[in-house]
Amino acid sequence: MVRGLVLWTLPIFFGVAGCDGKGTPPGPVQEGHPHGGAPTVERTYSGSYPINVVCTTGMVADLVRNVGGDRVKVTQIMGEGVDPHLYKASPGDVNLLSGADAIFYSGLHLEGKMADVFVRMARKKPTFAVTEYIPEDRVLENPEGAFDPHLWFDVSLWREAAGVVRDALKAFDPPQAADYQARADAYQAELAKLHEYARTQLATIPKDRRVMVTAHDAFRYFGRAYDVEVKGIQGISTESEAGVKEVNALVNFLVERKVKAVFVESSVSDKNIRALLEGCKARGHTVVIGGELFSDAMGKDGTPEGSYVGMVRHNVDTIVKALK
């Protein structure tokens, strides 16, 4: 096995290549910080195919499968219903990562409890945080200044992430660059159609009803991209617990705006959503659960929702049906 070394986002190791237009690293950047640029590696792959790639979330694994095709074998660590904010790597996960030829993860602290593992792996092999190659001016922050990692909810941004995977695979495996380029072009065309589908379908909901309340604040990119007002009970990370104050504020919002439906998430407990329903009922306002959305994890393998495209279509159709 030939192991490369990614010039990625760890400040104690590397910078990002290509930001000065000449391929010269401009200096160290902060870990978990969006910076643009193109992925680079110190050494290229020279083993047999398929390349053994380990990914964290379903969304990232789906990108690599679509761009890599039969040149890669993808192992996904986090399955359906798994919350990446809370996920801790098991000894088995560390063994999988140690045996990989390359690692792809989402980044921007989505998999925050695995940060130390990624630091160790990046010393030994290509380790790519796909969202951290998106330019900073496209990335949202919360009021505390933390970057929001949920970029896949804007399909146009996830289309750019497909380009990150393409560039990473081309850098690591140059002989197959044309294949990676062709597969990425085809997948990005599919994502462009998906983005338009989401935009046109959500626009059929009257503007005053286009209000979406969920368990945690994962849908801000979705709201920005598709002109939907979004509210989450918990913050960007599910590590932050919602308090009585947050729940009461959302109850007031739902009652005042006469919102009829809220949404649960497949990877987040519905406890706080149930509290909203009870709070509204006590105020004489009936709110129902409009359906289950996929947020930080995709659906079951082998189902339409087990792919990124199917997951987005499910979410859009569920929201339109509940709010229109």
Protein backbone atom coordinates (compact mmCIF):
# COMPACT_ATOMS: atom_id res chain seq x y z
CA MET A 1 0.00 0.00 0.00
CA VAL A 2 1.33 3.42 -0.92
CA ARG A 3 0.39 6.10 1.54
CA GLY A 4 0.29 9.77 0.69
CA LEU A 5 0.08 12.88 2.82
CA VAL A 6 -2.54 15.54 2.23
CA LEU A 7 -1.68 19.20 2.50
CA TRP A 8 -4.88 20.01 4.31
CA THR A 9 -6.27 22.08 7.12
CA LEU A 10 -4.21 21.15 10.16
CA PRO A 11 -2.30 24.24 11.29
CA ILE A 12 0.56 22.29 12.80
CA PHE A 13 1.26 20.54 9.49
CA PHE A 14 0.20 22.05 6.23
CA GLY A 15 -1.35 24.84 4.19
CA VAL A 16 -3.70 24.79 1.23
CA ALA A 17 -2.13 24.59 -2.18
CA GLY A 18 -3.19 26.69 -5.11
CA CYS A 19 -4.58 29.73 -3.32
CA ASP A 20 -2.04 32.10 -4.87
CA GLY A 21 -2.78 30.83 -8.36
CA LYS A 22 0.66 29.18 -8.63
CA GLY A 23 0.10 26.06 -6.59
CA THR A 24 2.20 27.37 -3.70
CA PRO A 25 0.82 26.85 -0.21
CA PRO A 26 0.16 30.29 1.32
CA GLY A 27 0.85 29.14 4.87
CA PRO A 28 -1.05 27.33 7.61
CA VAL A 29 -4.78 27.66 8.00
CA GLN A 30 -6.99 26.88 10.94
CA GLU A 31 -8.38 23.38 11.27
CA GLY A 32 -12.10 23.24 10.66
CA HIS A 33 -11.98 26.45 8.64
CA PRO A 34 -13.28 26.85 5.06
CA HIS A 35 -10.52 28.07 2.77
CA GLY A 36 -11.17 27.17 -0.84
CA GLY A 37 -8.29 25.92 -2.98
CA ALA A 38 -7.73 22.47 -4.43
CA PRO A 39 -6.73 19.29 -2.58
CA THR A 40 -3.12 18.20 -3.03
CA VAL A 41 -1.10 15.13 -2.00
CA GLU A 42 2.59 14.49 -1.49
CA ARG A 43 2.59 11.06 -3.13
CA THR A 44 0.26 9.46 -5.61
CA TYR A 45 -1.39 6.05 -5.56
CA SER A 46 0.39 3.08 -7.17
CA GLY A 47 -1.52 0.10 -5.80
CA SER A 48 -4.10 -2.12 -7.43
CA TYR A 49 -7.75 -1.20 -7.94
CA PRO A 50 -10.12 -0.53 -6.37
CA ILE A 51 -8.67 2.14 -4.10
CA ASN A 52 -9.72 1.47 -0.51
CA VAL A 53 -11.52 4.63 0.65
CA VAL A 54 -13.10 5.08 4.08
CA CYS A 55 -15.72 7.82 4.56
CA THR A 56 -17.60 9.04 7.62
CA THR A 57 -21.15 10.08 6.68
CA GLY A 58 -23.49 8.75 4.03
CA MET A 59 -23.46 12.06 2.17
CA VAL A 60 -19.67 12.01 1.78
CA ALA A 61 -19.63 8.31 0.90
CA ASP A 62 -22.25 8.98 -1.79
CA LEU A 63 -20.05 11.68 -3.34
CA VAL A 64 -17.02 9.39 -3.47
CA ARG A 65 -19.00 6.49 -4.94
CA ASN A 66 -20.46 8.67 -7.68
CA VAL A 67 -17.18 10.30 -8.64
CA GLY A 68 -14.90 7.32 -8.05
CA GLY A 69 -17.03 4.65 -9.69
CA ASP A 70 -15.48 1.20 -9.88
CA ARG A 71 -12.02 2.68 -9.26
CA VAL A 72 -12.84 2.97 -5.55
CA LYS A 73 -14.22 0.72 -2.86
CA VAL A 74 -16.03 2.87 -0.30
CA THR A 75 -16.52 1.87 3.33
CA GLN A 76 -18.90 4.12 5.26
CA ILE A 77 -18.50 4.40 9.03
CA MET A 78 -21.77 6.11 9.99
CA GLY A 79 -25.01 4.49 8.85
CA GLU A 80 -28.67 5.46 8.91
CA GLY A 81 -29.91 7.27 12.00
CA VAL A 82 -26.38 8.03 13.28
CA ASP A 83 -25.72 11.55 14.59
CA PRO A 84 -22.21 12.59 13.45
CA HIS A 85 -22.07 15.41 16.03
CA LEU A 86 -22.06 12.83 18.82
CA TYR A 87 -20.26 9.96 17.12
CA LYS A 88 -17.08 8.62 18.70
CA ALA A 89 -14.76 6.36 16.72
CA SER A 90 -14.68 2.75 17.91
CA PRO A 91 -11.52 0.60 17.81
CA GLY A 92 -13.02 -1.05 14.73
CA ASP A 93 -13.42 2.34 13.05
CA VAL A 94 -9.79 3.21 13.79
CA ASN A 95 -8.72 -0.08 12.23
CA LEU A 96 -10.76 0.70 9.11
CA LEU A 97 -9.24 4.16 8.86
CA SER A 98 -5.73 2.80 9.43
CA GLY A 99 -6.18 0.31 6.60
CA ALA A 100 -7.56 2.86 4.12
CA ASP A 101 -5.66 4.19 1.12
CA ALA A 102 -7.50 7.50 1.51
CA ILE A 103 -10.03 9.04 3.89
CA PHE A 104 -12.84 11.48 3.12
CA TYR A 105 -14.91 13.18 5.81
CA SER A 106 -17.30 16.11 5.89
CA GLY A 107 -15.40 18.59 8.07
CA LEU A 108 -16.12 21.95 9.72
CA HIS A 109 -16.38 20.02 13.00
CA LEU A 110 -19.40 17.97 11.93
CA GLU A 111 -17.55 14.89 13.19
CA GLY A 112 -16.09 16.85 16.08
CA LYS A 113 -15.45 13.92 18.41
CA MET A 114 -13.26 12.28 15.76
CA ALA A 115 -10.91 15.25 15.32
CA ASP A 116 -7.95 13.61 17.07
CA VAL A 117 -8.32 10.52 14.89
CA PHE A 118 -8.19 12.62 11.71
CA VAL A 119 -5.06 14.38 12.99
CA ARG A 120 -3.32 11.04 13.43
CA MET A 121 -4.47 9.68 10.10
CA ALA A 122 -3.43 12.80 8.18
CA ARG A 123 0.18 12.14 9.20
CA LYS A 124 0.06 8.84 7.33
CA LYS A 125 -2.32 9.09 4.37
CA PRO A 126 -4.51 11.41 2.26
CA THR A 127 -7.26 12.72 4.52
CA PHE A 128 -9.73 15.15 2.95
CA ALA A 129 -12.34 17.30 4.72
CA VAL A 130 -14.54 18.03 1.71
CA THR A 131 -16.50 21.02 3.04
CA GLU A 132 -13.34 22.84 4.10
CA TYR A 133 -12.36 23.36 0.44
CA ILE A 134 -15.51 25.44 -0.14
CA PRO A 135 -14.68 29.18 -0.17
CA GLU A 136 -15.38 30.89 3.15
CA ASP A 137 -17.76 33.43 1.63
CA ARG A 138 -20.17 30.58 0.80
CA VAL A 139 -20.16 29.14 4.32
CA LEU A 140 -22.57 30.25 7.05
CA GLU A 141 -21.66 31.04 10.65
CA ASN A 142 -23.78 31.02 13.79
CA PRO A 143 -23.96 34.04 16.14
CA GLU A 144 -21.06 32.60 18.18
CA GLY A 145 -18.84 32.53 15.10
CA ALA A 146 -18.79 28.75 14.54
CA PHE A 147 -19.04 27.56 10.96
CA ASP A 148 -22.18 25.65 10.03
CA PRO A 149 -21.13 22.25 8.60
CA HIS A 150 -24.47 21.30 6.99
CA LEU A 151 -23.55 22.43 3.45
CA TRP A 152 -25.25 19.48 1.74
CA PHE A 153 -28.66 21.08 2.30
CA ASP A 154 -27.82 23.56 -0.46
CA VAL A 155 -27.55 21.25 -3.45
CA SER A 156 -25.55 23.85 -5.39
CA LEU A 157 -22.90 23.77 -2.63
CA TRP A 158 -22.85 19.96 -2.53
CA ARG A 159 -22.33 20.10 -6.27
CA GLU A 160 -19.13 22.03 -5.51
CA ALA A 161 -18.19 19.37 -2.95
CA ALA A 162 -18.40 16.81 -5.77
CA GLY A 163 -15.75 18.89 -7.50
CA VAL A 164 -13.58 18.68 -4.36
CA VAL A 165 -13.80 14.87 -4.43
CA ARG A 166 -13.00 14.91 -8.16
CA ASP A 167 -9.89 17.04 -7.62
CA ALA A 168 -8.75 14.92 -4.66
CA LEU A 169 -9.04 11.67 -6.62
CA LYS A 170 -7.34 13.20 -9.66
CA ALA A 171 -4.45 14.37 -7.49
CA PHE A 172 -4.10 11.01 -5.75
CA ASP A 173 -4.63 8.85 -8.86
CA PRO A 174 -3.54 10.89 -11.93
CA PRO A 175 -3.70 8.02 -14.48
CA GLN A 176 -7.49 7.87 -13.99
CA ALA A 177 -8.04 11.64 -13.99
CA ALA A 178 -10.14 11.64 -17.16
CA ASP A 179 -12.48 9.02 -15.70
CA TYR A 180 -12.93 10.97 -12.47
CA GLN A 181 -13.57 14.14 -14.46
CA ALA A 182 -16.21 12.49 -16.65
CA ARG A 183 -18.02 10.89 -13.73
CA ALA A 184 -17.95 14.17 -11.78
CA ASP A 185 -19.33 16.08 -14.78
CA ALA A 186 -22.24 13.64 -15.07
CA TYR A 187 -23.00 13.71 -11.35
CA GLN A 188 -22.77 17.49 -11.14
CA ALA A 189 -25.26 17.73 -14.02
CA GLU A 190 -27.63 15.50 -12.03
CA LEU A 191 -27.18 17.71 -8.97
CA ALA A 192 -27.90 20.84 -11.01
CA LYS A 193 -31.27 19.30 -11.96
CA LEU A 194 -31.90 18.36 -8.32
CA HIS A 195 -31.20 21.92 -7.19
CA GLU A 196 -33.72 23.24 -9.71
CA TYR A 197 -36.28 20.63 -8.62
CA ALA A 198 -35.96 21.74 -4.99
CA ARG A 199 -36.19 25.40 -5.92
CA THR A 200 -39.30 25.07 -8.09
CA GLN A 201 -41.16 22.67 -5.78
CA LEU A 202 -40.60 24.72 -2.63
CA ALA A 203 -41.64 27.88 -4.46
CA THR A 204 -45.14 26.38 -4.80
CA ILE A 205 -45.64 26.82 -1.04
CA PRO A 206 -47.19 30.25 -0.34
CA LYS A 207 -44.55 32.53 1.12
CA ASP A 208 -46.34 33.03 4.44
CA ARG A 209 -46.51 29.23 4.95
CA ARG A 210 -42.90 28.55 3.96
CA VAL A 211 -41.84 28.11 7.60
CA MET A 212 -39.92 25.04 8.68
CA VAL A 213 -39.33 24.08 12.33
CA THR A 214 -37.04 21.12 13.10
CA ALA A 215 -35.25 19.47 16.01
CA HIS A 216 -31.89 21.19 15.47
CA ASP A 217 -30.58 24.06 13.40
CA ALA A 218 -29.34 21.98 10.45
CA PHE A 219 -31.33 23.57 7.63
CA ARG A 220 -29.93 27.10 7.40
CA TYR A 221 -28.29 26.41 4.02
CA PHE A 222 -31.58 24.93 2.86
CA GLY A 223 -33.41 28.07 3.95
CA ARG A 224 -30.93 30.38 2.21
CA ALA A 225 -30.90 28.39 -1.02
CA TYR A 226 -34.66 27.86 -1.35
CA ASP A 227 -36.15 30.88 0.42
CA VAL A 228 -37.55 28.98 3.40
CA GLU A 229 -37.73 30.43 6.92
CA VAL A 230 -36.14 27.82 9.18
CA LYS A 231 -36.09 27.42 12.96
CA GLY A 232 -34.34 24.77 15.03
CA ILE A 233 -34.87 23.95 18.70
CA GLN A 234 -31.25 22.97 19.31
CA GLY A 235 -28.25 24.73 17.81
CA ILE A 236 -26.05 23.72 14.88
CA SER A 237 -24.61 20.85 16.91
CA THR A 238 -26.88 18.41 18.72
CA GLU A 239 -24.41 18.56 21.61
CA SER A 240 -26.08 21.80 22.68
CA GLU A 241 -29.18 21.05 24.74
CA ALA A 242 -32.33 23.05 24.22
CA GLY A 243 -33.67 24.75 27.32
CA VAL A 244 -37.14 25.77 28.42
CA LYS A 245 -36.49 29.28 27.13
CA GLU A 246 -35.81 28.05 23.58
CA VAL A 247 -38.84 25.76 23.58
CA ASN A 248 -41.16 28.50 24.89
CA ALA A 249 -39.86 30.97 22.32
CA LEU A 250 -40.66 28.54 19.52
CA VAL A 251 -44.10 27.81 20.98
CA ASN A 252 -44.81 31.55 20.87
CA PHE A 253 -43.55 31.68 17.28
CA LEU A 254 -45.73 28.77 16.15
CA VAL A 255 -48.83 30.19 17.82
CA GLU A 256 -48.31 33.73 16.52
CA ARG A 257 -47.53 32.61 12.97
CA LYS A 258 -50.27 29.93 13.03
CA VAL A 259 -47.79 27.32 11.80
CA LYS A 260 -49.57 23.98 11.43
CA ALA A 261 -46.72 21.49 11.06
CA VAL A 262 -43.21 20.83 12.40
CA PHE A 263 -40.71 18.14 11.42
CA VAL A 264 -38.76 15.42 13.19
CA GLU A 265 -35.31 14.27 12.05
CA SER A 266 -34.20 10.69 11.51
CA SER A 267 -30.94 11.12 13.44
CA VAL A 268 -32.18 13.34 16.31
CA SER A 269 -34.51 12.54 19.22
CA ASP A 270 -38.07 13.84 18.81
CA LYS A 271 -38.29 14.74 22.53
CA ASN A 272 -38.07 18.49 21.97
CA ILE A 273 -40.47 18.42 19.03
CA ARG A 274 -43.02 16.63 21.23
CA ALA A 275 -42.55 19.37 23.83
CA LEU A 276 -43.40 21.95 21.16
CA LEU A 277 -46.60 20.13 20.28
CA GLU A 278 -47.66 19.98 23.95
CA GLY A 279 -46.80 23.65 24.47
CA CYS A 280 -48.88 24.71 21.48
CA LYS A 281 -51.77 22.51 22.55
CA ALA A 282 -51.78 24.21 25.96
CA ARG A 283 -52.12 27.52 24.12
CA GLY A 284 -55.08 26.28 22.06
CA HIS A 285 -53.10 25.87 18.84
CA THR A 286 -52.85 22.45 17.19
CA VAL A 287 -49.56 21.57 15.52
CA VAL A 288 -48.88 18.21 13.88
CA ILE A 289 -45.69 16.44 12.85
CA GLY A 290 -45.42 17.04 9.12
CA GLY A 291 -43.09 14.11 8.56
CA GLU A 292 -39.59 12.84 9.14
CA LEU A 293 -36.68 14.58 7.44
CA PHE A 294 -33.18 13.26 6.86
CA SER A 295 -30.68 15.74 8.23
CA ASP A 296 -27.27 14.48 9.40
CA ALA A 297 -27.74 10.93 8.08
CA MET A 298 -29.29 9.49 4.95
CA GLY A 299 -31.81 6.67 4.78
CA LYS A 300 -31.33 2.94 4.77
CA ASP A 301 -29.03 1.43 2.15
CA GLY A 302 -30.95 0.17 -0.85
CA THR A 303 -33.82 2.65 -0.46
CA PRO A 304 -34.23 5.87 -2.48
CA GLU A 305 -33.47 7.87 0.67
CA GLY A 306 -30.20 5.93 1.02
CA SER A 307 -28.74 8.10 -1.75
CA TYR A 308 -28.11 11.84 -1.56
CA VAL A 309 -30.43 12.59 -4.48
CA GLY A 310 -33.19 10.45 -3.00
CA MET A 311 -32.73 11.98 0.44
CA VAL A 312 -33.09 15.53 -0.90
CA ARG A 313 -36.14 14.62 -2.97
CA HIS A 314 -37.74 12.97 0.07
CA ASN A 315 -37.14 16.07 2.22
CA VAL A 316 -38.46 18.46 -0.42
CA ASP A 317 -41.56 16.38 -1.12
CA THR A 318 -42.27 15.94 2.61
CA ILE A 319 -41.99 19.66 3.29
CA VAL A 320 -44.15 20.64 0.32
CA LYS A 321 -46.85 18.14 1.25
CA ALA A 322 -46.96 19.35 4.89
CA LEU A 323 -46.83 23.11 4.28
CA LYS A 324 -48.48 23.75 0.92
